[in-house]
Amino acid sequence: MRLPNEQLEKLKQQKYVAEKKLTAARHREKQLQHELKQLTRSERTHRLCTRAGMLETFLREPTVLTDDDVMELLSFIFHSETVQMKLNMLIEKRKETGQPDGG
């Protein structure tokens, strides 16, 4: 039969080990969250660069236009009811198929 002090020491040791494992798990969780954030950032950067390149193929002289000029042009284009209908259709199609943004 164990003495109460032995049981207490064993429980303290188990608690210590469990706390160490918990600390390690929290640290690993932070590492994984950081990795996810980096991957998400990389995906976004890739998407932005790809789509900016697509836009530039439609601008006759992209180096002549300012950012404000491009924004004005895009605002003009996207205020069109036809463009909004097409955009809504594309969004719904992607939602229905569950496919990613295609980037």
N, C-alpha and C. Protein backbone atom coordinates (compact mmCIF):
# COMPACT_ATOMS: atom_id res chain seq x y z
N MET A 1 0.84 -1.18 0.00
CA MET A 1 0.00 0.00 0.00
C MET A 1 0.88 1.24 0.00
N ARG A 2 0.50 2.25 -0.83
CA ARG A 2 1.27 3.48 -0.92
C ARG A 2 0.92 4.43 0.20
N LEU A 3 1.89 5.17 0.55
CA LEU A 3 1.66 6.21 1.54
C LEU A 3 1.07 7.43 0.84
N PRO A 4 0.27 8.24 1.52
CA PRO A 4 -0.30 9.43 0.91
C PRO A 4 0.75 10.37 0.33
N ASN A 5 1.92 10.48 0.94
CA ASN A 5 2.97 11.35 0.41
C ASN A 5 3.48 10.86 -0.94
N GLU A 6 3.60 9.55 -1.09
CA GLU A 6 4.03 8.99 -2.37
C GLU A 6 3.00 9.29 -3.45
N GLN A 7 1.73 9.14 -3.12
CA GLN A 7 0.67 9.43 -4.08
C GLN A 7 0.69 10.92 -4.46
N LEU A 8 0.89 11.77 -3.47
CA LEU A 8 0.94 13.21 -3.71
C LEU A 8 2.10 13.55 -4.63
N GLU A 9 3.25 12.97 -4.39
CA GLU A 9 4.42 13.23 -5.23
C GLU A 9 4.20 12.73 -6.65
N LYS A 10 3.57 11.57 -6.77
CA LYS A 10 3.29 11.02 -8.10
C LYS A 10 2.33 11.95 -8.86
N LEU A 11 1.30 12.45 -8.17
CA LEU A 11 0.35 13.37 -8.80
C LEU A 11 1.03 14.68 -9.19
N LYS A 12 1.91 15.16 -8.33
CA LYS A 12 2.65 16.40 -8.66
C LYS A 12 3.51 16.20 -9.89
N GLN A 13 4.15 15.04 -9.99
CA GLN A 13 4.98 14.73 -11.15
C GLN A 13 4.12 14.63 -12.41
N GLN A 14 2.96 13.98 -12.33
CA GLN A 14 2.06 13.87 -13.47
C GLN A 14 1.57 15.26 -13.91
N LYS A 15 1.28 16.10 -12.93
CA LYS A 15 0.84 17.46 -13.23
C LYS A 15 1.94 18.23 -13.95
N TYR A 16 3.16 18.10 -13.47
CA TYR A 16 4.30 18.77 -14.08
C TYR A 16 4.48 18.33 -15.54
N VAL A 17 4.41 17.03 -15.75
CA VAL A 17 4.55 16.49 -17.12
C VAL A 17 3.41 16.99 -18.00
N ALA A 18 2.19 16.99 -17.49
CA ALA A 18 1.04 17.46 -18.26
C ALA A 18 1.18 18.95 -18.60
N GLU A 19 1.66 19.75 -17.67
CA GLU A 19 1.85 21.19 -17.92
C GLU A 19 2.93 21.42 -18.98
N LYS A 20 3.98 20.63 -18.94
CA LYS A 20 5.03 20.74 -19.96
C LYS A 20 4.48 20.40 -21.35
N LYS A 21 3.68 19.33 -21.40
CA LYS A 21 3.07 18.94 -22.68
C LYS A 21 2.13 20.02 -23.18
N LEU A 22 1.37 20.62 -22.27
CA LEU A 22 0.45 21.69 -22.64
C LEU A 22 1.21 22.89 -23.18
N THR A 23 2.29 23.26 -22.52
CA THR A 23 3.12 24.38 -22.99
C THR A 23 3.67 24.09 -24.38
N ALA A 24 4.16 22.88 -24.58
CA ALA A 24 4.70 22.50 -25.89
C ALA A 24 3.60 22.53 -26.96
N ALA A 25 2.41 22.06 -26.61
CA ALA A 25 1.30 22.06 -27.57
C ALA A 25 0.89 23.48 -27.93
N ARG A 26 0.87 24.37 -26.95
CA ARG A 26 0.53 25.78 -27.23
C ARG A 26 1.58 26.42 -28.13
N HIS A 27 2.83 26.10 -27.87
CA HIS A 27 3.91 26.63 -28.71
C HIS A 27 3.77 26.11 -30.14
N ARG A 28 3.49 24.85 -30.28
CA ARG A 28 3.31 24.25 -31.62
C ARG A 28 2.12 24.88 -32.33
N GLU A 29 1.04 25.14 -31.58
CA GLU A 29 -0.13 25.78 -32.17
C GLU A 29 0.23 27.16 -32.72
N LYS A 30 1.01 27.92 -31.97
CA LYS A 30 1.44 29.24 -32.44
C LYS A 30 2.28 29.13 -33.70
N GLN A 31 3.16 28.13 -33.74
CA GLN A 31 3.98 27.90 -34.94
C GLN A 31 3.10 27.60 -36.15
N LEU A 32 2.12 26.74 -35.96
CA LEU A 32 1.23 26.36 -37.06
C LEU A 32 0.39 27.54 -37.52
N GLN A 33 -0.08 28.35 -36.58
CA GLN A 33 -0.84 29.54 -36.95
C GLN A 33 0.02 30.49 -37.78
N HIS A 34 1.27 30.64 -37.40
CA HIS A 34 2.19 31.50 -38.15
C HIS A 34 2.41 30.95 -39.56
N GLU A 35 2.60 29.64 -39.66
CA GLU A 35 2.78 29.02 -40.98
C GLU A 35 1.55 29.23 -41.85
N LEU A 36 0.37 29.07 -41.27
CA LEU A 36 -0.87 29.27 -42.02
C LEU A 36 -0.98 30.70 -42.51
N LYS A 37 -0.64 31.64 -41.65
CA LYS A 37 -0.69 33.05 -42.01
C LYS A 37 0.26 33.33 -43.17
N GLN A 38 1.46 32.74 -43.13
CA GLN A 38 2.44 32.93 -44.20
C GLN A 38 1.93 32.34 -45.52
N LEU A 39 1.34 31.15 -45.45
CA LEU A 39 0.81 30.54 -46.66
C LEU A 39 -0.32 31.37 -47.25
N THR A 40 -1.20 31.86 -46.37
CA THR A 40 -2.32 32.68 -46.82
C THR A 40 -1.79 33.96 -47.48
N ARG A 41 -0.77 34.56 -46.88
CA ARG A 41 -0.18 35.78 -47.43
C ARG A 41 0.45 35.49 -48.79
N SER A 42 1.15 34.37 -48.90
CA SER A 42 1.78 34.01 -50.17
C SER A 42 0.73 33.78 -51.26
N GLU A 43 -0.35 33.10 -50.90
CA GLU A 43 -1.43 32.85 -51.86
C GLU A 43 -2.03 34.18 -52.32
N ARG A 44 -2.26 35.10 -51.38
CA ARG A 44 -2.84 36.40 -51.71
C ARG A 44 -1.90 37.18 -52.62
N THR A 45 -0.62 37.20 -52.30
CA THR A 45 0.36 37.92 -53.12
C THR A 45 0.38 37.34 -54.53
N HIS A 46 0.38 36.02 -54.63
CA HIS A 46 0.38 35.37 -55.95
C HIS A 46 -0.88 35.76 -56.73
N ARG A 47 -2.04 35.72 -56.06
CA ARG A 47 -3.30 36.07 -56.71
C ARG A 47 -3.29 37.52 -57.19
N LEU A 48 -2.80 38.43 -56.33
CA LEU A 48 -2.77 39.84 -56.70
C LEU A 48 -1.85 40.08 -57.90
N CYS A 49 -0.69 39.47 -57.88
CA CYS A 49 0.25 39.64 -59.01
C CYS A 49 -0.32 39.07 -60.30
N THR A 50 -0.93 37.89 -60.20
CA THR A 50 -1.51 37.26 -61.38
C THR A 50 -2.61 38.12 -61.97
N ARG A 51 -3.50 38.60 -61.12
CA ARG A 51 -4.64 39.38 -61.61
C ARG A 51 -4.23 40.76 -62.08
N ALA A 52 -3.22 41.34 -61.44
CA ALA A 52 -2.72 42.63 -61.92
C ALA A 52 -2.12 42.46 -63.31
N GLY A 53 -1.44 41.35 -63.52
CA GLY A 53 -0.90 41.05 -64.85
C GLY A 53 -2.00 40.89 -65.88
N MET A 54 -3.08 40.24 -65.47
CA MET A 54 -4.22 40.09 -66.37
C MET A 54 -4.79 41.45 -66.75
N LEU A 55 -4.93 42.32 -65.76
CA LEU A 55 -5.46 43.66 -66.01
C LEU A 55 -4.56 44.41 -66.98
N GLU A 56 -3.26 44.34 -66.77
CA GLU A 56 -2.34 45.08 -67.63
C GLU A 56 -2.39 44.62 -69.08
N THR A 57 -2.79 43.38 -69.33
CA THR A 57 -2.89 42.95 -70.73
C THR A 57 -3.99 43.70 -71.47
N PHE A 58 -4.95 44.26 -70.73
CA PHE A 58 -6.05 44.98 -71.35
C PHE A 58 -5.80 46.49 -71.42
N LEU A 59 -4.79 46.98 -70.73
CA LEU A 59 -4.48 48.40 -70.76
C LEU A 59 -3.46 48.64 -71.87
N ARG A 60 -3.80 49.53 -72.81
CA ARG A 60 -2.92 49.73 -73.95
C ARG A 60 -1.53 50.22 -73.54
N GLU A 61 -1.48 51.21 -72.67
CA GLU A 61 -0.19 51.74 -72.21
C GLU A 61 -0.22 51.84 -70.69
N PRO A 62 -0.05 50.72 -70.02
CA PRO A 62 -0.18 50.71 -68.56
C PRO A 62 0.80 51.62 -67.83
N THR A 63 1.98 51.84 -68.42
CA THR A 63 2.96 52.69 -67.75
C THR A 63 2.61 54.17 -67.84
N VAL A 64 1.75 54.53 -68.77
CA VAL A 64 1.34 55.93 -68.92
C VAL A 64 0.23 56.27 -67.92
N LEU A 65 -0.62 55.29 -67.62
CA LEU A 65 -1.76 55.52 -66.75
C LEU A 65 -1.34 55.55 -65.28
N THR A 66 -2.00 56.40 -64.51
CA THR A 66 -1.75 56.45 -63.07
C THR A 66 -2.66 55.45 -62.36
N ASP A 67 -2.40 55.23 -61.09
CA ASP A 67 -3.28 54.36 -60.30
C ASP A 67 -4.68 54.93 -60.27
N ASP A 68 -4.80 56.26 -60.18
CA ASP A 68 -6.13 56.89 -60.19
C ASP A 68 -6.84 56.66 -61.52
N ASP A 69 -6.09 56.71 -62.63
CA ASP A 69 -6.69 56.45 -63.94
C ASP A 69 -7.26 55.03 -64.01
N VAL A 70 -6.49 54.08 -63.54
CA VAL A 70 -6.93 52.68 -63.57
C VAL A 70 -8.14 52.50 -62.67
N MET A 71 -8.12 53.13 -61.49
CA MET A 71 -9.27 53.03 -60.58
C MET A 71 -10.51 53.65 -61.22
N GLU A 72 -10.34 54.78 -61.89
CA GLU A 72 -11.48 55.42 -62.57
C GLU A 72 -12.04 54.50 -63.65
N LEU A 73 -11.17 53.89 -64.42
CA LEU A 73 -11.60 52.97 -65.47
C LEU A 73 -12.33 51.76 -64.89
N LEU A 74 -11.77 51.17 -63.84
CA LEU A 74 -12.41 50.01 -63.22
C LEU A 74 -13.76 50.38 -62.60
N SER A 75 -13.84 51.54 -61.98
CA SER A 75 -15.11 52.00 -61.41
C SER A 75 -16.15 52.15 -62.52
N PHE A 76 -15.74 52.73 -63.63
CA PHE A 76 -16.65 52.90 -64.76
C PHE A 76 -17.13 51.54 -65.27
N ILE A 77 -16.21 50.62 -65.44
CA ILE A 77 -16.55 49.30 -65.96
C ILE A 77 -17.48 48.56 -65.00
N PHE A 78 -17.14 48.55 -63.71
CA PHE A 78 -17.89 47.75 -62.75
C PHE A 78 -19.21 48.38 -62.33
N HIS A 79 -19.49 49.60 -62.76
CA HIS A 79 -20.80 50.18 -62.50
C HIS A 79 -21.83 49.75 -63.54
N SER A 80 -21.36 49.10 -64.57
CA SER A 80 -22.25 48.61 -65.62
C SER A 80 -23.12 47.48 -65.07
N GLU A 81 -24.41 47.55 -65.36
CA GLU A 81 -25.34 46.52 -64.90
C GLU A 81 -24.99 45.16 -65.51
N THR A 82 -24.58 45.17 -66.75
CA THR A 82 -24.21 43.93 -67.43
C THR A 82 -23.00 43.28 -66.75
N VAL A 83 -22.02 44.09 -66.40
CA VAL A 83 -20.83 43.56 -65.73
C VAL A 83 -21.21 43.00 -64.36
N GLN A 84 -22.07 43.70 -63.63
CA GLN A 84 -22.50 43.23 -62.32
C GLN A 84 -23.25 41.90 -62.43
N MET A 85 -24.07 41.77 -63.47
CA MET A 85 -24.80 40.52 -63.68
C MET A 85 -23.81 39.37 -63.96
N LYS A 86 -22.83 39.64 -64.81
CA LYS A 86 -21.82 38.62 -65.13
C LYS A 86 -21.01 38.25 -63.89
N LEU A 87 -20.62 39.24 -63.10
CA LEU A 87 -19.87 39.00 -61.88
C LEU A 87 -20.68 38.14 -60.91
N ASN A 88 -21.95 38.46 -60.72
CA ASN A 88 -22.82 37.67 -59.85
C ASN A 88 -22.95 36.24 -60.34
N MET A 89 -23.06 36.09 -61.65
CA MET A 89 -23.18 34.75 -62.23
C MET A 89 -21.91 33.93 -61.97
N LEU A 90 -20.75 34.54 -62.15
CA LEU A 90 -19.49 33.85 -61.91
C LEU A 90 -19.34 33.46 -60.44
N ILE A 91 -19.70 34.37 -59.54
CA ILE A 91 -19.61 34.09 -58.11
C ILE A 91 -20.53 32.93 -57.73
N GLU A 92 -21.75 32.96 -58.20
CA GLU A 92 -22.71 31.89 -57.89
C GLU A 92 -22.23 30.56 -58.44
N LYS A 93 -21.67 30.58 -59.64
CA LYS A 93 -21.16 29.35 -60.25
C LYS A 93 -20.06 28.74 -59.38
N ARG A 94 -19.14 29.57 -58.89
CA ARG A 94 -18.05 29.09 -58.04
C ARG A 94 -18.58 28.57 -56.70
N LYS A 95 -19.58 29.24 -56.16
CA LYS A 95 -20.16 28.80 -54.89
C LYS A 95 -20.86 27.45 -55.05
N GLU A 96 -21.55 27.27 -56.16
CA GLU A 96 -22.27 26.02 -56.42
C GLU A 96 -21.32 24.84 -56.61
N THR A 97 -20.23 25.09 -57.35
CA THR A 97 -19.31 24.00 -57.63
C THR A 97 -18.31 23.78 -56.49
N GLY A 98 -18.22 24.77 -55.59
CA GLY A 98 -17.31 24.65 -54.47
C GLY A 98 -15.86 24.71 -54.89
N GLN A 99 -15.60 25.23 -56.06
CA GLN A 99 -14.24 25.32 -56.57
C GLN A 99 -13.57 26.57 -56.01
N PRO A 100 -12.24 26.51 -55.84
CA PRO A 100 -11.51 27.71 -55.39
C PRO A 100 -11.51 28.78 -56.45
N ASP A 101 -10.85 29.87 -56.14
CA ASP A 101 -10.86 31.03 -57.04
C ASP A 101 -10.15 30.81 -58.37
N GLY A 102 -9.58 29.65 -58.56
CA GLY A 102 -8.97 29.35 -59.86
C GLY A 102 -7.58 29.91 -60.00
N GLY A 103 -7.01 30.45 -58.89
CA GLY A 103 -5.69 31.09 -58.97
C GLY A 103 -4.57 30.20 -58.72
